[in-house]
Amino acid sequence: MLGSVISIIFLCVVAIAPFLKAEYVETCSGIVPMRYRNDRISITDFGGVGDGRTMNTKAFREAIFRIQHLRRRGGTLLYVPPGEFLTESFNLTSHMTLYLARGAVIKATQDTQHWPLIDPLPSYGRGRERAGGRYMSFIHGDGLRDVVITGENGTIDGQGGVWWNMWRDGSLQFTRPNLVEFMHSRSIIISNVIFKNSPFWNIHPVYCSNVVIRYLTILAPADSPNTDGIDPDSSSSVCIEDSYISTGDDLVSVKSGWDEYGIAYGRPSKDITIRRVTGSSPFAGIAIGSETSGGIENILAEHVTLYNMGIGINIKTNIGRGGFIRNITVSDVYMENVQKGIKIAGDVGDHPDDKFNPNALPVVKDIAIKNVWGERVQQPGSIHGLTNSPFTGICLSNINLLTGTGQKSTPWQCRDVSGGAVKVSPWPCSELTTTHQTGACSIPF
């Protein structure tokens, strides 16, 4: 219910956008213009039944086969009317819109025995959780162009509880499926949909470009394992905005491959904008990593509101990762009831196998975090670089992280880092030199 309310609020903001000053309504809609399809079909035309019990896999696959092979000029819209449409996983095709009406639910089957397996991602070398392949995402696309998932705040429900229990009791054989994954694709829009109870990560664009993700509500219980909200991975020109996310893991996490496999694949995540995201999680609000081996650069996250978080802003990598994290700006963040405000660390995350190179050290530089206000923050922050690869150009400015009433302020913890600090309370570590208008904090981002 809360997620639906938040989505409506975001839609209202968009409706009044023309009357607001430009600086408050910046959007990324120009990256991928919304496509309106004249050719339209309904899932019911192919025998779809929204009673919550009938299996609709054949209907979805036949409808998408029709779109793929008729190739109508301008593409085709597949309409899902109100009702609960139970189905196995299915693939999308290029030049299509999957449209969920208000009250429409596409619900994943809980029969995990017949869930299809696919190869591991080459930048990971194996499944993220288990060696070998991985289960295909519930809604999947590979090598696609011009695809839209949208509607009137209909729901895509992964029914992830059965998968979470398999993870907890150790019976999971392969890496759990994402809720939605696009691979090797471009010109993708995901908007105005509710995502809930993903088996694993919710939305995962990997090896993609020109992706817009906006006006979403993403929900999963706080104790659901690894249910990241949105994870752009080795992707470029991605915009994430105007969304509410409450899950069991990072709300938004930028990734680019895992150790020697990510280094060899060599595809960075770059030119990514995250703005006007609100949410809560026992893990991080805005995260980068820890899978960063292909490199991550030119990231802007702004106007973010976080409640009941483990960590507000978290940049994380590890030895063996290689790659780089550079030109990162996080600004205008409000956080409340957070265990740690800011964490930048070089000793986080596991390894796919024992073949990683311990001398492949990440380069972390030119990180600006500014205009942050926190209430009831237990520990303001820590920055732990690597002895043989110190983090440089770390700039903190105009940051206030307040403890709760009666709580004693805990000091920052730092090592192997250099940079600057301006107007930071509580005052950060001595490694960040006091600056005013010059020095480390005037790095051009």
Protein backbone atom coordinates (compact mmCIF):
# COMPACT_ATOMS: atom_id res chain seq x y z
CA MET A 1 0.00 0.00 0.00
CA LEU A 2 2.78 2.40 0.94
CA GLY A 3 4.57 1.71 -2.35
CA SER A 4 1.44 2.53 -4.35
CA VAL A 5 1.02 5.81 -2.49
CA ILE A 6 4.63 6.75 -3.16
CA SER A 7 4.21 5.98 -6.87
CA ILE A 8 1.15 8.22 -7.03
CA ILE A 9 3.12 11.02 -5.35
CA PHE A 10 5.85 10.73 -7.95
CA LEU A 11 3.29 10.86 -10.75
CA CYS A 12 1.82 14.01 -9.24
CA VAL A 13 5.28 15.59 -9.17
CA VAL A 14 5.65 14.88 -12.86
CA ALA A 15 2.24 16.37 -13.60
CA ILE A 16 3.20 19.73 -12.07
CA ALA A 17 6.72 19.70 -13.47
CA PRO A 18 6.02 22.32 -16.17
CA PHE A 19 5.17 24.82 -13.42
CA LEU A 20 8.36 24.32 -11.41
CA LYS A 21 11.80 25.75 -11.91
CA ALA A 22 14.00 23.71 -14.22
CA GLU A 23 16.59 22.89 -11.59
CA TYR A 24 14.03 20.94 -9.58
CA VAL A 25 12.65 18.83 -12.42
CA GLU A 26 15.67 17.67 -14.37
CA THR A 27 14.89 14.39 -16.05
CA CYS A 28 16.64 11.90 -18.30
CA SER A 29 13.69 11.25 -20.59
CA GLY A 30 15.69 12.41 -23.61
CA ILE A 31 18.00 9.39 -23.32
CA VAL A 32 15.22 7.14 -24.65
CA PRO A 33 12.04 8.86 -25.90
CA MET A 34 8.85 7.04 -24.90
CA ARG A 35 7.53 4.95 -27.80
CA TYR A 36 3.78 4.88 -28.48
CA ARG A 37 2.65 1.78 -30.40
CA ASN A 38 -0.34 1.87 -32.72
CA ASP A 39 -0.44 -1.93 -33.06
CA ARG A 40 -1.89 -3.43 -29.88
CA ILE A 41 -2.77 -6.92 -28.75
CA SER A 42 -4.01 -8.32 -25.44
CA ILE A 43 -2.75 -11.34 -23.56
CA THR A 44 -6.38 -12.53 -23.51
CA ASP A 45 -6.27 -12.77 -27.33
CA PHE A 46 -3.88 -15.69 -26.82
CA GLY A 47 -5.86 -17.47 -24.13
CA GLY A 48 -4.55 -15.57 -21.10
CA VAL A 49 -6.66 -15.99 -17.95
CA GLY A 50 -6.11 -13.72 -14.96
CA ASP A 51 -7.61 -15.89 -12.23
CA GLY A 52 -4.37 -16.40 -10.26
CA ARG A 53 -4.45 -20.17 -10.89
CA THR A 54 -4.31 -20.76 -14.65
CA MET A 55 -0.77 -21.04 -16.06
CA ASN A 56 -0.30 -18.40 -18.75
CA THR A 57 3.17 -19.28 -20.00
CA LYS A 58 1.89 -20.42 -23.40
CA ALA A 59 -0.16 -17.23 -23.81
CA PHE A 60 2.80 -14.92 -23.07
CA ARG A 61 5.18 -16.85 -25.30
CA GLU A 62 2.74 -17.00 -28.20
CA ALA A 63 1.92 -13.30 -27.94
CA ILE A 64 5.59 -12.34 -27.94
CA PHE A 65 6.27 -14.76 -30.82
CA ARG A 66 3.59 -12.93 -32.78
CA ILE A 67 5.21 -9.55 -32.06
CA GLN A 68 8.64 -10.86 -33.03
CA HIS A 69 7.61 -12.39 -36.35
CA LEU A 70 4.97 -9.98 -37.65
CA ARG A 71 7.29 -7.02 -37.07
CA ARG A 72 4.67 -4.31 -37.28
CA ARG A 73 6.07 -0.90 -38.17
CA GLY A 74 6.62 0.96 -34.90
CA GLY A 75 6.37 -2.26 -32.89
CA THR A 76 3.50 -3.74 -30.89
CA LEU A 77 2.04 -3.21 -27.42
CA LEU A 78 1.10 -6.29 -25.39
CA TYR A 79 -1.72 -5.33 -23.02
CA VAL A 80 -2.19 -7.14 -19.70
CA PRO A 81 -5.67 -6.33 -18.26
CA PRO A 82 -6.63 -6.37 -14.58
CA GLY A 83 -6.24 -9.81 -13.00
CA GLU A 84 -3.52 -12.15 -11.72
CA PHE A 85 -1.68 -13.83 -14.57
CA LEU A 86 0.42 -16.71 -13.26
CA THR A 87 3.30 -17.71 -15.57
CA GLU A 88 6.72 -19.25 -15.88
CA SER A 89 9.62 -17.05 -16.97
CA PHE A 90 9.52 -15.64 -20.50
CA ASN A 91 11.64 -13.65 -22.96
CA LEU A 92 10.73 -10.29 -24.44
CA THR A 93 11.53 -9.25 -28.00
CA SER A 94 12.63 -6.01 -29.70
CA HIS A 95 10.20 -3.23 -30.62
CA MET A 96 7.56 -4.12 -28.06
CA THR A 97 5.83 -2.60 -25.05
CA LEU A 98 4.68 -4.76 -22.14
CA TYR A 99 1.81 -2.73 -20.66
CA LEU A 100 0.24 -3.57 -17.29
CA ALA A 101 -3.16 -2.03 -16.63
CA ARG A 102 -4.09 -0.85 -13.16
CA GLY A 103 -4.86 -3.99 -11.17
CA ALA A 104 -2.86 -6.24 -13.50
CA VAL A 105 -0.42 -8.65 -11.84
CA ILE A 106 2.10 -10.83 -13.67
CA LYS A 107 2.96 -13.45 -11.08
CA ALA A 108 5.90 -15.87 -11.18
CA THR A 109 5.28 -19.56 -10.68
CA GLN A 110 6.70 -21.09 -7.52
CA ASP A 111 7.64 -24.26 -9.36
CA THR A 112 11.43 -23.88 -9.23
CA GLN A 113 12.07 -27.42 -10.55
CA HIS A 114 11.44 -26.44 -14.16
CA TRP A 115 12.95 -22.94 -14.11
CA PRO A 116 15.32 -22.58 -17.12
CA LEU A 117 19.09 -22.30 -16.61
CA ILE A 118 21.33 -19.97 -18.61
CA ASP A 119 25.09 -19.43 -18.82
CA PRO A 120 26.90 -17.32 -16.24
CA LEU A 121 27.71 -13.74 -17.18
CA PRO A 122 31.18 -13.58 -18.78
CA SER A 123 32.18 -10.68 -16.52
CA TYR A 124 31.40 -12.86 -13.48
CA GLY A 125 32.76 -16.20 -14.69
CA ARG A 126 30.19 -18.15 -12.67
CA GLY A 127 26.88 -17.58 -10.98
CA ARG A 128 26.99 -14.83 -8.38
CA GLU A 129 25.88 -17.17 -5.59
CA ARG A 130 26.79 -20.65 -6.84
CA ALA A 131 29.35 -22.06 -9.27
CA GLY A 132 28.09 -22.89 -12.76
CA GLY A 133 25.11 -21.37 -14.53
CA ARG A 134 22.24 -19.36 -13.15
CA TYR A 135 18.48 -19.35 -13.33
CA MET A 136 17.07 -17.09 -16.05
CA SER A 137 15.35 -13.93 -14.85
CA PHE A 138 11.55 -14.01 -14.60
CA ILE A 139 11.25 -11.46 -17.41
CA HIS A 140 14.29 -11.61 -19.67
CA GLY A 141 15.74 -9.92 -22.73
CA ASP A 142 19.01 -10.50 -24.58
CA GLY A 143 20.23 -8.48 -27.56
CA LEU A 144 17.08 -6.36 -27.72
CA ARG A 145 16.32 -2.85 -29.01
CA ASP A 146 13.46 -0.48 -28.30
CA VAL A 147 11.66 -2.23 -25.42
CA VAL A 148 9.27 -0.65 -22.90
CA ILE A 149 7.84 -2.11 -19.70
CA THR A 150 5.21 0.30 -18.40
CA GLY A 151 1.56 0.72 -17.49
CA GLU A 152 -0.74 2.09 -14.81
CA ASN A 153 1.20 0.86 -11.78
CA GLY A 154 0.39 -2.78 -12.39
CA THR A 155 2.54 -5.30 -10.53
CA ILE A 156 5.25 -7.80 -11.45
CA ASP A 157 5.40 -10.25 -8.52
CA GLY A 158 8.37 -12.63 -8.29
CA GLN A 159 6.89 -14.63 -5.39
CA GLY A 160 10.44 -14.90 -4.12
CA GLY A 161 9.73 -16.55 -0.77
CA VAL A 162 10.43 -20.07 -2.06
CA TRP A 163 13.81 -18.91 -3.41
CA TRP A 164 14.73 -17.09 -0.21
CA ASN A 165 14.04 -20.25 1.78
CA MET A 166 16.23 -22.33 -0.56
CA TRP A 167 19.04 -19.81 0.00
CA ARG A 168 18.55 -19.95 3.78
CA ASP A 169 18.41 -23.73 4.11
CA GLY A 170 21.33 -24.37 1.72
CA SER A 171 19.32 -26.27 -0.91
CA LEU A 172 19.92 -23.68 -3.66
CA GLN A 173 21.80 -25.34 -6.56
CA PHE A 174 22.34 -22.34 -8.84
CA THR A 175 22.22 -18.56 -8.56
CA ARG A 176 18.68 -17.29 -8.02
CA PRO A 177 16.84 -15.49 -10.86
CA ASN A 178 16.55 -11.73 -11.10
CA LEU A 179 13.06 -10.35 -11.50
CA VAL A 180 13.87 -8.44 -14.74
CA GLU A 181 17.15 -8.61 -16.64
CA PHE A 182 18.20 -7.07 -19.95
CA MET A 183 21.52 -8.17 -21.50
CA HIS A 184 23.36 -6.66 -24.50
CA SER A 185 20.38 -4.36 -25.08
CA ARG A 186 19.76 -0.67 -25.73
CA SER A 187 16.92 1.84 -25.78
CA ILE A 188 15.09 0.35 -22.79
CA ILE A 189 12.41 2.08 -20.69
CA ILE A 190 10.99 0.67 -17.45
CA SER A 191 8.40 2.93 -15.82
CA ASN A 192 5.14 3.12 -13.87
CA VAL A 193 5.21 -0.46 -12.57
CA ILE A 194 5.35 -2.01 -9.08
CA PHE A 195 7.96 -4.75 -8.59
CA LYS A 196 7.69 -6.97 -5.54
CA ASN A 197 9.24 -10.03 -3.93
CA SER A 198 12.06 -10.63 -6.38
CA PRO A 199 13.90 -13.94 -5.92
CA PHE A 200 17.24 -12.07 -6.21
CA TRP A 201 18.13 -8.65 -7.66
CA ASN A 202 15.06 -6.81 -8.93
CA ILE A 203 16.14 -4.95 -12.08
CA HIS A 204 19.47 -5.79 -13.70
CA PRO A 205 20.53 -4.10 -16.95
CA VAL A 206 23.88 -5.69 -17.87
CA TYR A 207 26.03 -4.84 -20.93
CA CYS A 208 23.31 -2.31 -21.87
CA SER A 209 23.19 1.30 -23.02
CA ASN A 210 20.54 4.00 -23.11
CA VAL A 211 18.33 2.76 -20.28
CA VAL A 212 15.69 4.82 -18.45
CA ILE A 213 14.20 3.49 -15.19
CA ARG A 214 11.68 5.81 -13.54
CA TYR A 215 8.45 6.10 -11.56
CA LEU A 216 8.85 2.65 -10.00
CA THR A 217 7.91 1.14 -6.67
CA ILE A 218 10.15 -1.80 -5.68
CA LEU A 219 9.23 -3.78 -2.57
CA ALA A 220 10.61 -6.77 -0.68
CA PRO A 221 10.78 -7.63 3.04
CA ALA A 222 13.76 -6.22 4.93
CA ASP A 223 14.98 -9.76 5.69
CA SER A 224 14.78 -10.99 2.07
CA PRO A 225 18.34 -11.92 1.01
CA ASN A 226 20.08 -10.04 -1.82
CA THR A 227 16.96 -8.33 -3.17
CA ASP A 228 18.81 -5.27 -4.54
CA GLY A 229 16.51 -2.72 -6.11
CA ILE A 230 18.24 -1.59 -9.31
CA ASP A 231 21.73 -2.78 -10.34
CA PRO A 232 23.14 -1.24 -13.53
CA ASP A 233 26.06 -3.50 -14.42
CA SER A 234 28.73 -2.84 -17.09
CA SER A 235 26.23 -0.44 -18.65
CA SER A 236 26.31 3.14 -19.89
CA SER A 237 23.92 6.06 -20.31
CA VAL A 238 21.56 4.88 -17.60
CA CYS A 239 19.04 7.09 -15.78
CA ILE A 240 17.27 6.05 -12.57
CA GLU A 241 14.85 8.56 -11.10
CA ASP A 242 11.63 9.27 -9.21
CA SER A 243 11.27 5.87 -7.53
CA TYR A 244 10.55 4.35 -4.12
CA ILE A 245 12.56 1.27 -3.12
CA SER A 246 12.26 -0.76 0.08
CA THR A 247 14.10 -4.09 -0.07
CA GLY A 248 16.43 -6.43 1.81
CA ASP A 249 19.65 -5.17 0.20
CA ASP A 250 21.14 -2.11 -1.56
CA LEU A 251 18.54 0.19 -3.10
CA VAL A 252 20.69 1.11 -6.12
CA SER A 253 24.06 -0.56 -6.71
CA VAL A 254 26.34 0.16 -9.67
CA LYS A 255 28.49 -2.83 -10.71
CA SER A 256 30.93 -3.81 -13.49
CA GLY A 257 32.14 -7.38 -13.14
CA TRP A 258 33.90 -9.64 -10.67
CA ASP A 259 37.67 -9.98 -10.23
CA GLU A 260 39.67 -11.57 -13.08
CA TYR A 261 36.52 -12.16 -15.15
CA GLY A 262 35.44 -8.53 -14.98
CA ILE A 263 38.98 -7.35 -15.71
CA ALA A 264 39.16 -9.58 -18.80
CA TYR A 265 35.71 -8.56 -20.04
CA GLY A 266 36.67 -4.92 -19.56
CA ARG A 267 33.31 -3.18 -19.88
CA PRO A 268 32.82 -0.27 -17.45
CA SER A 269 29.68 1.23 -16.01
CA LYS A 270 29.68 4.92 -16.88
CA ASP A 271 27.52 7.98 -17.38
CA ILE A 272 24.84 6.97 -14.87
CA THR A 273 22.42 9.37 -13.17
CA ILE A 274 20.42 8.54 -10.05
CA ARG A 275 18.03 11.18 -8.75
CA ARG A 276 14.97 11.57 -6.56
CA VAL A 277 15.10 8.07 -5.11
CA THR A 278 13.52 7.40 -1.71
CA GLY A 279 13.68 4.22 0.31
CA SER A 280 14.77 2.04 3.20
CA SER A 281 16.91 -1.08 3.65
CA PRO A 282 19.13 -2.78 6.23
CA PHE A 283 21.98 -2.34 3.72
CA ALA A 284 22.98 0.70 1.58
CA GLY A 285 20.99 3.43 -0.10
CA ILE A 286 23.39 4.40 -2.89
CA ALA A 287 26.09 1.78 -3.44
CA ILE A 288 28.96 1.36 -5.87
CA GLY A 289 30.34 -2.17 -5.91
CA SER A 290 31.63 -4.31 -4.67
CA GLU A 291 31.86 -5.86 -8.17
CA THR A 292 33.82 -3.08 -9.90
CA SER A 293 36.45 -4.86 -11.99
CA GLY A 294 35.44 -3.38 -15.34
CA GLY A 295 35.64 0.13 -13.92
CA ILE A 296 33.01 2.65 -12.82
CA GLU A 297 33.10 6.33 -13.74
CA ASN A 298 31.00 9.45 -14.22
CA ILE A 299 28.23 8.69 -11.72
CA LEU A 300 25.87 11.35 -10.37
CA ALA A 301 23.46 10.59 -7.51
CA GLU A 302 21.40 13.49 -6.17
CA HIS A 303 18.24 14.34 -4.22
CA VAL A 304 18.12 11.02 -2.37
CA THR A 305 16.05 10.40 0.78
CA LEU A 306 16.86 7.42 3.01
CA TYR A 307 15.16 6.02 6.13
CA ASN A 308 16.08 3.13 8.43
CA MET A 309 19.26 2.22 6.60
CA GLY A 310 22.33 0.18 7.38
CA ILE A 311 24.58 2.55 5.39
CA GLY A 312 23.57 5.74 3.61
CA ILE A 313 26.29 6.01 0.94
CA ASN A 314 28.57 3.03 0.34
CA ILE A 315 31.48 2.78 -2.11
CA LYS A 316 33.06 -0.67 -1.85
CA THR A 317 35.74 -2.70 -3.60
CA ASN A 318 38.47 -5.21 -2.75
CA ILE A 319 41.89 -6.53 -3.66
CA GLY A 320 41.76 -8.65 -6.80
CA ARG A 321 39.10 -6.38 -8.29
CA GLY A 322 41.43 -4.17 -10.33
CA GLY A 323 39.52 -1.59 -12.34
CA PHE A 324 38.75 1.91 -11.11
CA ILE A 325 36.12 4.00 -9.35
CA ARG A 326 36.42 7.65 -10.37
CA ASN A 327 34.50 10.84 -10.99
CA ILE A 328 31.67 10.06 -8.57
CA THR A 329 29.38 12.80 -7.21
CA VAL A 330 26.74 12.23 -4.53
CA SER A 331 24.82 15.31 -3.41
CA ASP A 332 21.69 16.50 -1.66
CA VAL A 333 21.06 13.45 0.49
CA TYR A 334 18.81 13.27 3.55
CA MET A 335 19.11 10.24 5.80
CA GLU A 336 17.37 9.32 9.05
CA ASN A 337 17.93 6.44 11.47
CA VAL A 338 21.06 5.10 9.83
CA GLN A 339 23.78 2.91 11.34
CA LYS A 340 26.61 4.48 9.28
CA GLY A 341 26.33 7.59 7.14
CA ILE A 342 29.18 7.23 4.65
CA LYS A 343 31.42 4.24 4.01
CA ILE A 344 34.20 4.00 1.41
CA ALA A 345 36.12 0.75 1.73
CA GLY A 346 38.69 -1.37 -0.11
CA ASP A 347 38.18 -4.60 1.84
CA VAL A 348 34.58 -5.54 1.02
CA GLY A 349 33.15 -8.44 -0.97
CA ASP A 350 34.06 -12.03 -1.71
CA HIS A 351 35.83 -13.62 -4.70
CA PRO A 352 34.49 -15.98 -7.38
CA ASP A 353 37.38 -18.42 -6.91
CA ASP A 354 41.00 -18.59 -5.82
CA LYS A 355 42.33 -17.52 -9.23
CA PHE A 356 42.05 -13.78 -8.57
CA ASN A 357 45.26 -11.74 -8.64
CA PRO A 358 45.92 -10.19 -5.21
CA ASN A 359 48.07 -7.57 -6.93
CA ALA A 360 45.13 -6.37 -9.04
CA LEU A 361 44.35 -3.36 -6.90
CA PRO A 362 41.48 -0.98 -7.62
CA VAL A 363 42.11 2.75 -8.17
CA VAL A 364 39.65 4.93 -6.27
CA LYS A 365 39.89 8.67 -6.91
CA ASP A 366 37.93 11.88 -7.30
CA ILE A 367 34.90 11.18 -5.11
CA ALA A 368 32.75 14.20 -4.10
CA ILE A 369 30.06 13.83 -1.43
CA LYS A 370 28.29 17.06 -0.58
CA ASN A 371 25.13 18.55 0.90
CA VAL A 372 24.25 15.65 3.18
CA TRP A 373 22.03 15.94 6.25
CA GLY A 374 21.54 13.03 8.61
CA GLU A 375 19.40 12.56 11.74
CA ARG A 376 19.99 9.72 14.22
CA VAL A 377 23.15 8.51 12.53
CA GLN A 378 24.96 6.11 14.85
CA GLN A 379 28.39 6.45 13.22
CA PRO A 380 29.19 9.24 10.75
CA GLY A 381 31.55 7.39 8.48
CA SER A 382 34.72 5.56 7.57
CA ILE A 383 37.14 5.67 4.64
CA HIS A 384 39.53 2.72 4.43
CA GLY A 385 41.78 2.71 1.38
CA LEU A 386 44.43 0.13 0.51
CA THR A 387 48.02 0.41 1.66
CA ASN A 388 49.40 -0.06 -1.85
CA SER A 389 46.57 1.85 -3.54
CA PRO A 390 45.42 4.73 -1.33
CA PHE A 391 42.14 6.44 -2.17
CA THR A 392 42.81 9.98 -3.44
CA GLY A 393 40.81 13.10 -4.15
CA ILE A 394 38.09 12.28 -1.61
CA CYS A 395 36.10 15.46 -1.02
CA LEU A 396 33.48 15.90 1.69
CA SER A 397 31.62 19.21 1.91
CA ASN A 398 28.61 20.61 3.73
CA ILE A 399 27.84 17.41 5.61
CA ASN A 400 25.99 17.19 8.95
CA LEU A 401 25.45 13.76 10.45
CA LEU A 402 23.71 14.08 13.81
CA THR A 403 23.39 11.41 16.47
CA GLY A 404 20.19 10.77 18.36
CA THR A 405 19.25 12.56 21.55
CA GLY A 406 21.51 11.45 24.38
CA GLN A 407 23.87 9.54 22.09
CA LYS A 408 27.56 10.31 21.99
CA SER A 409 29.06 11.21 18.64
CA THR A 410 31.37 8.50 17.26
CA PRO A 411 34.49 9.69 15.42
CA TRP A 412 35.26 9.03 11.76
CA GLN A 413 37.67 6.19 10.96
CA CYS A 414 40.17 6.64 8.13
CA ARG A 415 43.34 5.19 6.68
CA ASP A 416 45.19 5.23 3.38
CA VAL A 417 43.18 8.15 2.05
CA SER A 418 43.83 11.75 1.01
CA GLY A 419 41.52 14.57 0.07
CA GLY A 420 39.70 17.48 1.62
CA ALA A 421 36.81 18.45 3.86
CA VAL A 422 34.73 21.62 4.16
CA LYS A 423 31.96 22.18 6.71
CA VAL A 424 31.70 18.58 7.90
CA SER A 425 30.17 17.71 11.29
CA PRO A 426 31.25 15.75 13.19
CA TRP A 427 34.67 16.71 11.90
CA PRO A 428 36.20 13.93 9.77
CA CYS A 429 39.61 12.33 10.04
CA SER A 430 42.86 14.27 9.83
CA GLU A 431 43.76 12.59 6.52
CA LEU A 432 41.20 14.87 4.85
CA THR A 433 42.88 18.25 4.86
CA THR A 434 40.84 21.29 5.81
CA THR A 435 40.12 23.29 2.67
CA HIS A 436 38.05 26.26 1.66
CA GLN A 437 37.70 27.07 -2.05
CA THR A 438 40.90 25.42 -3.26
CA GLY A 439 42.68 22.12 -2.95
CA ALA A 440 41.14 18.65 -3.12
CA CYS A 441 37.56 19.89 -2.82
CA SER A 442 37.74 21.94 -5.98
CA ILE A 443 38.10 18.86 -8.19
CA PRO A 444 35.94 19.50 -11.28
CA PHE A 445 33.15 16.91 -11.48
